[in-house]
């Protein structure tokens, strides 16, 4: 309804062509019949409100209204995505819900698993332990740690950076016996990067779990 186009009536019976979408001989001698008409629509219409546009670098799907993620207006039907190539990827799982199938929870200490049970985890190599042939170590994060950009498999304390505490006071009063002028005392101490790891300097935050694809 409301479409503007053109209808073409063939001068031969094209029933077989319509049925097979292939070249075919006429089934009868009729000519210019309504049954042999083809409608070519959308020739004089304006810009559509929804469409699929094939560009040189992408396929763009345009919807007329804001997409509601609870009831999407655009659905795509395609073969199931093969996640096997994602083996070893680690993501945050910030919920107490059951871990989805095909994933393992990352432990808080070194944990080895058999490559016979999880063969695709061979991509992890020996970064987190194991020999990389029979066993492999799962990515692990000790309690209180978060992953950071650095060498895989190395946990580092968030130690306090080097800084100086200093203070002084000047005073006198009963019970003090100062020699050589005004009583004074000062101290300067350096704190940070102790050899044993030192106190943690971690930001407060909500706990989360990490899971690894196998």
C-alpha atoms as a PDB file:
ATOM      1  CA  UNK A   1       0.000   0.000   0.000  1.00  0.00           C
ATOM      2  CA  UNK A   2       1.340   3.369  -1.004  1.00  0.00           C
ATOM      3  CA  UNK A   3       4.124   1.900  -3.095  1.00  0.00           C
ATOM      4  CA  UNK A   4       4.786   3.404  -6.513  1.00  0.00           C
ATOM      5  CA  UNK A   5       6.287   1.247  -9.238  1.00  0.00           C
ATOM      6  CA  UNK A   6       5.628  -0.289 -12.614  1.00  0.00           C
ATOM      7  CA  UNK A   7       4.065  -3.568 -13.767  1.00  0.00           C
ATOM      8  CA  UNK A   8       5.400  -5.316 -16.851  1.00  0.00           C
ATOM      9  CA  UNK A   9       3.195  -7.819 -18.727  1.00  0.00           C
ATOM     10  CA  UNK A  10       5.115 -10.432 -20.692  1.00  0.00           C
ATOM     11  CA  UNK A  11       3.964 -11.322 -24.201  1.00  0.00           C
ATOM     12  CA  UNK A  12       4.379 -15.031 -23.446  1.00  0.00           C
ATOM     13  CA  UNK A  13       3.255 -17.468 -20.759  1.00  0.00           C
ATOM     14  CA  UNK A  14       5.994 -17.238 -18.083  1.00  0.00           C
ATOM     15  CA  UNK A  15       4.403 -19.536 -15.492  1.00  0.00           C
ATOM     16  CA  UNK A  16       7.267 -22.038 -15.709  1.00  0.00           C
ATOM     17  CA  UNK A  17       9.813 -19.253 -15.335  1.00  0.00           C
ATOM     18  CA  UNK A  18       8.109 -18.002 -12.163  1.00  0.00           C
ATOM     19  CA  UNK A  19       7.928 -21.503 -10.679  1.00  0.00           C
ATOM     20  CA  UNK A  20      11.533 -22.458 -11.348  1.00  0.00           C
ATOM     21  CA  UNK A  21      13.290 -19.059 -11.546  1.00  0.00           C
ATOM     22  CA  UNK A  22      15.059 -20.465 -14.612  1.00  0.00           C
ATOM     23  CA  UNK A  23      14.775 -20.283 -18.365  1.00  0.00           C
ATOM     24  CA  UNK A  24      11.753 -22.243 -19.612  1.00  0.00           C
ATOM     25  CA  UNK A  25       9.482 -22.589 -22.610  1.00  0.00           C
ATOM     26  CA  UNK A  26       5.943 -21.120 -22.515  1.00  0.00           C
ATOM     27  CA  UNK A  27       3.268 -23.458 -21.240  1.00  0.00           C
ATOM     28  CA  UNK A  28       0.579 -21.971 -23.491  1.00  0.00           C
ATOM     29  CA  UNK A  29      -0.025 -19.532 -26.315  1.00  0.00           C
ATOM     30  CA  UNK A  30      -1.495 -16.746 -24.164  1.00  0.00           C
ATOM     31  CA  UNK A  31      -0.087 -13.250 -24.493  1.00  0.00           C
ATOM     32  CA  UNK A  32      -0.069 -10.161 -22.252  1.00  0.00           C
ATOM     33  CA  UNK A  33      -2.046 -11.897 -19.518  1.00  0.00           C
ATOM     34  CA  UNK A  34      -2.257 -10.621 -15.942  1.00  0.00           C
ATOM     35  CA  UNK A  35      -0.841 -13.966 -14.777  1.00  0.00           C
ATOM     36  CA  UNK A  36       2.325 -13.110 -16.660  1.00  0.00           C
ATOM     37  CA  UNK A  37       2.800  -9.720 -15.048  1.00  0.00           C
ATOM     38  CA  UNK A  38       5.788  -8.669 -12.927  1.00  0.00           C
ATOM     39  CA  UNK A  39       5.611  -5.736 -10.497  1.00  0.00           C
ATOM     40  CA  UNK A  40       8.799  -3.690 -10.024  1.00  0.00           C
ATOM     41  CA  UNK A  41       8.195  -1.567  -6.945  1.00  0.00           C
ATOM     42  CA  UNK A  42       9.855   1.290  -5.139  1.00  0.00           C
ATOM     43  CA  UNK A  43      10.854   3.222  -8.242  1.00  0.00           C
ATOM     44  CA  UNK A  44       9.455   6.649  -7.303  1.00  0.00           C
ATOM     45  CA  UNK A  45       9.349   6.414  -3.515  1.00  0.00           C
ATOM     46  CA  UNK A  46      11.271   8.606  -1.084  1.00  0.00           C
ATOM     47  CA  UNK A  47      14.113   7.621   1.239  1.00  0.00           C
ATOM     48  CA  UNK A  48      13.054   4.516   3.204  1.00  0.00           C
ATOM     49  CA  UNK A  49      12.864   4.612   6.998  1.00  0.00           C
ATOM     50  CA  UNK A  50      14.396   1.175   7.369  1.00  0.00           C
ATOM     51  CA  UNK A  51      16.798  -0.510   5.028  1.00  0.00           C
ATOM     52  CA  UNK A  52      19.918  -2.612   4.559  1.00  0.00           C
ATOM     53  CA  UNK A  53      22.716  -0.748   2.812  1.00  0.00           C
ATOM     54  CA  UNK A  54      25.684  -2.557   1.282  1.00  0.00           C
ATOM     55  CA  UNK A  55      28.718  -0.279   1.527  1.00  0.00           C
ATOM     56  CA  UNK A  56      32.262  -0.918   0.397  1.00  0.00           C
ATOM     57  CA  UNK A  57      33.530  -1.528   3.940  1.00  0.00           C
ATOM     58  CA  UNK A  58      30.449  -2.708   5.844  1.00  0.00           C
ATOM     59  CA  UNK A  59      26.788  -3.669   5.771  1.00  0.00           C
ATOM     60  CA  UNK A  60      24.630  -1.071   7.488  1.00  0.00           C
ATOM     61  CA  UNK A  61      21.213  -1.925   8.933  1.00  0.00           C
ATOM     62  CA  UNK A  62      19.047   1.101   9.702  1.00  0.00           C
ATOM     63  CA  UNK A  63      16.023   0.835  11.987  1.00  0.00           C
ATOM     64  CA  UNK A  64      13.305   3.517  12.170  1.00  0.00           C
ATOM     65  CA  UNK A  65      13.167   3.708  15.966  1.00  0.00           C
ATOM     66  CA  UNK A  66      15.478   3.352  18.917  1.00  0.00           C
ATOM     67  CA  UNK A  67      16.435  -0.244  19.495  1.00  0.00           C
ATOM     68  CA  UNK A  68      15.027  -1.785  22.682  1.00  0.00           C
ATOM     69  CA  UNK A  69      17.551  -4.355  23.888  1.00  0.00           C
ATOM     70  CA  UNK A  70      14.761  -6.238  25.643  1.00  0.00           C
ATOM     71  CA  UNK A  71      12.822  -6.583  22.388  1.00  0.00           C
ATOM     72  CA  UNK A  72      15.201  -5.841  19.520  1.00  0.00           C
ATOM     73  CA  UNK A  73      13.745  -4.671  16.220  1.00  0.00           C
ATOM     74  CA  UNK A  74      16.653  -6.105  14.265  1.00  0.00           C
ATOM     75  CA  UNK A  75      17.316  -9.823  14.467  1.00  0.00           C
ATOM     76  CA  UNK A  76      20.000 -11.744  12.647  1.00  0.00           C
ATOM     77  CA  UNK A  77      19.759 -15.433  11.824  1.00  0.00           C
ATOM     78  CA  UNK A  78      23.128 -17.038  11.177  1.00  0.00           C
ATOM     79  CA  UNK A  79      25.058 -20.215  12.002  1.00  0.00           C
ATOM     80  CA  UNK A  80      26.144 -20.574  15.624  1.00  0.00           C
ATOM     81  CA  UNK A  81      29.363 -18.735  16.416  1.00  0.00           C
ATOM     82  CA  UNK A  82      32.330 -21.067  16.813  1.00  0.00           C
ATOM     83  CA  UNK A  83      33.990 -20.100  20.100  1.00  0.00           C
ATOM     84  CA  UNK A  84      36.721 -22.730  19.866  1.00  0.00           C
ATOM     85  CA  UNK A  85      39.164 -20.137  18.555  1.00  0.00           C
ATOM     86  CA  UNK A  86      38.535 -18.076  21.702  1.00  0.00           C
ATOM     87  CA  UNK A  87      40.220 -20.655  23.925  1.00  0.00           C
ATOM     88  CA  UNK A  88      42.345 -19.019  26.619  1.00  0.00           C
ATOM     89  CA  UNK A  89      40.499 -15.696  26.645  1.00  0.00           C
ATOM     90  CA  UNK A  90      39.886 -14.449  30.201  1.00  0.00           C
ATOM     91  CA  UNK A  91      37.006 -12.153  31.106  1.00  0.00           C
ATOM     92  CA  UNK A  92      35.436 -10.725  34.256  1.00  0.00           C
ATOM     93  CA  UNK A  93      32.352 -12.563  35.539  1.00  0.00           C
ATOM     94  CA  UNK A  94      30.877 -10.025  37.997  1.00  0.00           C
ATOM     95  CA  UNK A  95      27.999 -12.126  39.256  1.00  0.00           C
ATOM     96  CA  UNK A  96      27.282 -15.093  41.478  1.00  0.00           C
ATOM     97  CA  UNK A  97      25.394 -16.777  38.655  1.00  0.00           C
ATOM     98  CA  UNK A  98      26.529 -20.174  37.438  1.00  0.00           C
ATOM     99  CA  UNK A  99      29.557 -19.993  35.173  1.00  0.00           C
ATOM    100  CA  UNK A 100      28.465 -20.705  31.590  1.00  0.00           C
ATOM    101  CA  UNK A 101      29.342 -23.953  29.873  1.00  0.00           C
ATOM    102  CA  UNK A 102      32.721 -23.990  28.205  1.00  0.00           C
ATOM    103  CA  UNK A 103      34.350 -21.746  30.824  1.00  0.00           C
ATOM    104  CA  UNK A 104      36.401 -22.394  33.967  1.00  0.00           C
ATOM    105  CA  UNK A 105      36.722 -20.110  36.973  1.00  0.00           C
ATOM    106  CA  UNK A 106      40.205 -18.686  37.359  1.00  0.00           C
ATOM    107  CA  UNK A 107      41.692 -19.878  40.673  1.00  0.00           C
ATOM    108  CA  UNK A 108      43.452 -17.816  43.357  1.00  0.00           C
ATOM    109  CA  UNK A 109      46.610 -19.927  43.290  1.00  0.00           C
ATOM    110  CA  UNK A 110      48.511 -21.886  40.688  1.00  0.00           C
ATOM    111  CA  UNK A 111      46.295 -24.685  39.406  1.00  0.00           C
ATOM    112  CA  UNK A 112      47.249 -27.157  36.699  1.00  0.00           C
ATOM    113  CA  UNK A 113      44.761 -28.949  34.461  1.00  0.00           C
ATOM    114  CA  UNK A 114      45.263 -31.794  32.037  1.00  0.00           C
ATOM    115  CA  UNK A 115      45.561 -30.958  28.364  1.00  0.00           C
ATOM    116  CA  UNK A 116      43.830 -34.238  27.601  1.00  0.00           C
ATOM    117  CA  UNK A 117      40.734 -32.775  29.271  1.00  0.00           C
ATOM    118  CA  UNK A 118      41.155 -29.221  27.971  1.00  0.00           C
ATOM    119  CA  UNK A 119      43.243 -29.544  24.786  1.00  0.00           C
ATOM    120  CA  UNK A 120      42.479 -26.070  23.433  1.00  0.00           C
ATOM    121  CA  UNK A 121      44.066 -24.449  26.504  1.00  0.00           C
ATOM    122  CA  UNK A 122      47.440 -25.328  25.005  1.00  0.00           C
ATOM    123  CA  UNK A 123      47.407 -21.723  23.740  1.00  0.00           C
ATOM    124  CA  UNK A 124      48.283 -20.643  27.309  1.00  0.00           C
ATOM    125  CA  UNK A 125      51.678 -22.303  27.058  1.00  0.00           C
ATOM    126  CA  UNK A 126      53.598 -22.317  30.340  1.00  0.00           C
ATOM    127  CA  UNK A 127      52.878 -18.713  31.390  1.00  0.00           C
ATOM    128  CA  UNK A 128      50.849 -19.854  34.406  1.00  0.00           C
ATOM    129  CA  UNK A 129      52.639 -23.133  35.096  1.00  0.00           C
ATOM    130  CA  UNK A 130      52.551 -26.639  33.699  1.00  0.00           C
ATOM    131  CA  UNK A 131      54.784 -28.161  31.075  1.00  0.00           C
ATOM    132  CA  UNK A 132      52.651 -27.065  28.120  1.00  0.00           C
ATOM    133  CA  UNK A 133      52.581 -30.667  26.862  1.00  0.00           C
ATOM    134  CA  UNK A 134      50.585 -32.688  29.385  1.00  0.00           C
ATOM    135  CA  UNK A 135      49.445 -29.944  31.739  1.00  0.00           C
ATOM    136  CA  UNK A 136      48.790 -26.240  31.599  1.00  0.00           C
ATOM    137  CA  UNK A 137      48.251 -23.671  34.339  1.00  0.00           C
ATOM    138  CA  UNK A 138      45.042 -21.677  34.505  1.00  0.00           C
ATOM    139  CA  UNK A 139      45.321 -17.887  34.777  1.00  0.00           C
ATOM    140  CA  UNK A 140      45.139 -17.177  38.507  1.00  0.00           C
ATOM    141  CA  UNK A 141      44.660 -14.047  40.558  1.00  0.00           C
ATOM    142  CA  UNK A 142      45.380 -14.088  44.282  1.00  0.00           C
ATOM    143  CA  UNK A 143      42.717 -12.601  46.540  1.00  0.00           C
ATOM    144  CA  UNK A 144      42.887  -8.821  46.479  1.00  0.00           C
ATOM    145  CA  UNK A 145      44.561  -8.578  43.097  1.00  0.00           C
ATOM    146  CA  UNK A 146      43.317  -7.389  39.768  1.00  0.00           C
ATOM    147  CA  UNK A 147      44.908  -8.071  36.378  1.00  0.00           C
ATOM    148  CA  UNK A 148      47.173  -5.387  34.968  1.00  0.00           C
ATOM    149  CA  UNK A 149      49.150  -4.803  31.812  1.00  0.00           C
ATOM    150  CA  UNK A 150      52.410  -6.638  32.357  1.00  0.00           C
ATOM    151  CA  UNK A 151      54.155  -9.983  32.112  1.00  0.00           C
ATOM    152  CA  UNK A 152      51.624 -12.870  32.030  1.00  0.00           C
ATOM    153  CA  UNK A 153      51.694 -15.107  35.068  1.00  0.00           C
ATOM    154  CA  UNK A 154      53.480 -12.634  37.366  1.00  0.00           C
ATOM    155  CA  UNK A 155      51.686 -11.297  40.443  1.00  0.00           C
ATOM    156  CA  UNK A 156      53.067  -8.085  41.894  1.00  0.00           C
ATOM    157  CA  UNK A 157      52.178  -6.321  45.141  1.00  0.00           C
ATOM    158  CA  UNK A 158      50.783  -2.836  44.844  1.00  0.00           C
ATOM    159  CA  UNK A 159      53.531  -1.509  47.125  1.00  0.00           C
ATOM    160  CA  UNK A 160      53.632   2.011  48.471  1.00  0.00           C
ATOM    161  CA  UNK A 161      55.806   4.237  46.309  1.00  0.00           C
ATOM    162  CA  UNK A 162      58.898   5.916  47.784  1.00  0.00           C
ATOM    163  CA  UNK A 163      58.024   8.975  49.845  1.00  0.00           C
ATOM    164  CA  UNK A 164      59.366  10.869  52.865  1.00  0.00           C
ATOM    165  CA  UNK A 165      57.765  11.544  56.255  1.00  0.00           C
ATOM    166  CA  UNK A 166      59.278  14.515  58.057  1.00  0.00           C
ATOM    167  CA  UNK A 167      58.388  16.537  61.118  1.00  0.00           C
ATOM    168  CA  UNK A 168      59.850  18.827  63.763  1.00  0.00           C
ATOM    169  CA  UNK A 169      58.873  20.615  66.907  1.00  0.00           C
ATOM    170  CA  UNK A 170      60.301  23.445  69.015  1.00  0.00           C
ATOM    171  CA  UNK A 171      59.295  23.980  72.607  1.00  0.00           C
ATOM    172  CA  UNK A 172      60.316  24.348  76.214  1.00  0.00           C
ATOM    173  CA  UNK A 173      58.795  23.850  79.576  1.00  0.00           C
ATOM    174  CA  UNK A 174      59.164  22.299  82.974  1.00  0.00           C
ATOM    175  CA  UNK A 175      61.158  19.084  82.995  1.00  0.00           C
ATOM    176  CA  UNK A 176      63.157  19.877  79.835  1.00  0.00           C
ATOM    177  CA  UNK A 177      66.877  20.507  80.120  1.00  0.00           C
ATOM    178  CA  UNK A 178      68.052  21.685  76.714  1.00  0.00           C
ATOM    179  CA  UNK A 179      71.639  22.633  76.055  1.00  0.00           C
ATOM    180  CA  UNK A 180      72.837  25.034  73.414  1.00  0.00           C
ATOM    181  CA  UNK A 181      69.875  27.207  72.473  1.00  0.00           C
ATOM    182  CA  UNK A 182      66.312  26.559  71.524  1.00  0.00           C
ATOM    183  CA  UNK A 183      65.084  23.050  72.066  1.00  0.00           C
ATOM    184  CA  UNK A 184      64.240  21.327  68.763  1.00  0.00           C
ATOM    185  CA  UNK A 185      63.860  17.899  67.247  1.00  0.00           C
ATOM    186  CA  UNK A 186      63.399  16.757  63.678  1.00  0.00           C
ATOM    187  CA  UNK A 187      63.089  13.408  61.871  1.00  0.00           C
ATOM    188  CA  UNK A 188      62.968  12.321  58.254  1.00  0.00           C
ATOM    189  CA  UNK A 189      62.234   8.731  57.241  1.00  0.00           C
ATOM    190  CA  UNK A 190      61.880   7.149  53.841  1.00  0.00           C
ATOM    191  CA  UNK A 191      59.136   4.619  53.250  1.00  0.00           C
ATOM    192  CA  UNK A 192      58.262   2.574  50.188  1.00  0.00           C
ATOM    193  CA  UNK A 193      59.213  -0.404  48.045  1.00  0.00           C
ATOM    194  CA  UNK A 194      60.396  -2.619  50.908  1.00  0.00           C
ATOM    195  CA  UNK A 195      62.347  -5.691  49.824  1.00  0.00           C
ATOM    196  CA  UNK A 196      59.737  -8.077  51.220  1.00  0.00           C
ATOM    197  CA  UNK A 197      56.853  -6.661  49.246  1.00  0.00           C
ATOM    198  CA  UNK A 198      55.569  -4.217  51.813  1.00  0.00           C
ATOM    199  CA  UNK A 199      52.021  -3.230  52.658  1.00  0.00           C
ATOM    200  CA  UNK A 200      49.470  -3.317  49.874  1.00  0.00           C
ATOM    201  CA  UNK A 201      48.232  -0.028  48.505  1.00  0.00           C
ATOM    202  CA  UNK A 202      45.162  -1.339  46.666  1.00  0.00           C
ATOM    203  CA  UNK A 203      42.057   0.679  45.848  1.00  0.00           C
ATOM    204  CA  UNK A 204      38.844  -0.421  47.504  1.00  0.00           C
ATOM    205  CA  UNK A 205      36.357  -2.003  45.138  1.00  0.00           C
ATOM    206  CA  UNK A 206      33.750  -4.660  44.579  1.00  0.00           C
ATOM    207  CA  UNK A 207      34.858  -8.248  44.228  1.00  0.00           C
ATOM    208  CA  UNK A 208      34.574 -10.061  40.915  1.00  0.00           C
ATOM    209  CA  UNK A 209      35.437 -13.416  39.442  1.00  0.00           C
ATOM    210  CA  UNK A 210      37.432 -14.164  36.336  1.00  0.00           C
ATOM    211  CA  UNK A 211      36.699 -17.015  33.984  1.00  0.00           C
ATOM    212  CA  UNK A 212      38.733 -18.546  31.162  1.00  0.00           C
ATOM    213  CA  UNK A 213      37.383 -20.098  27.943  1.00  0.00           C
ATOM    214  CA  UNK A 214      38.466 -23.657  27.224  1.00  0.00           C
END
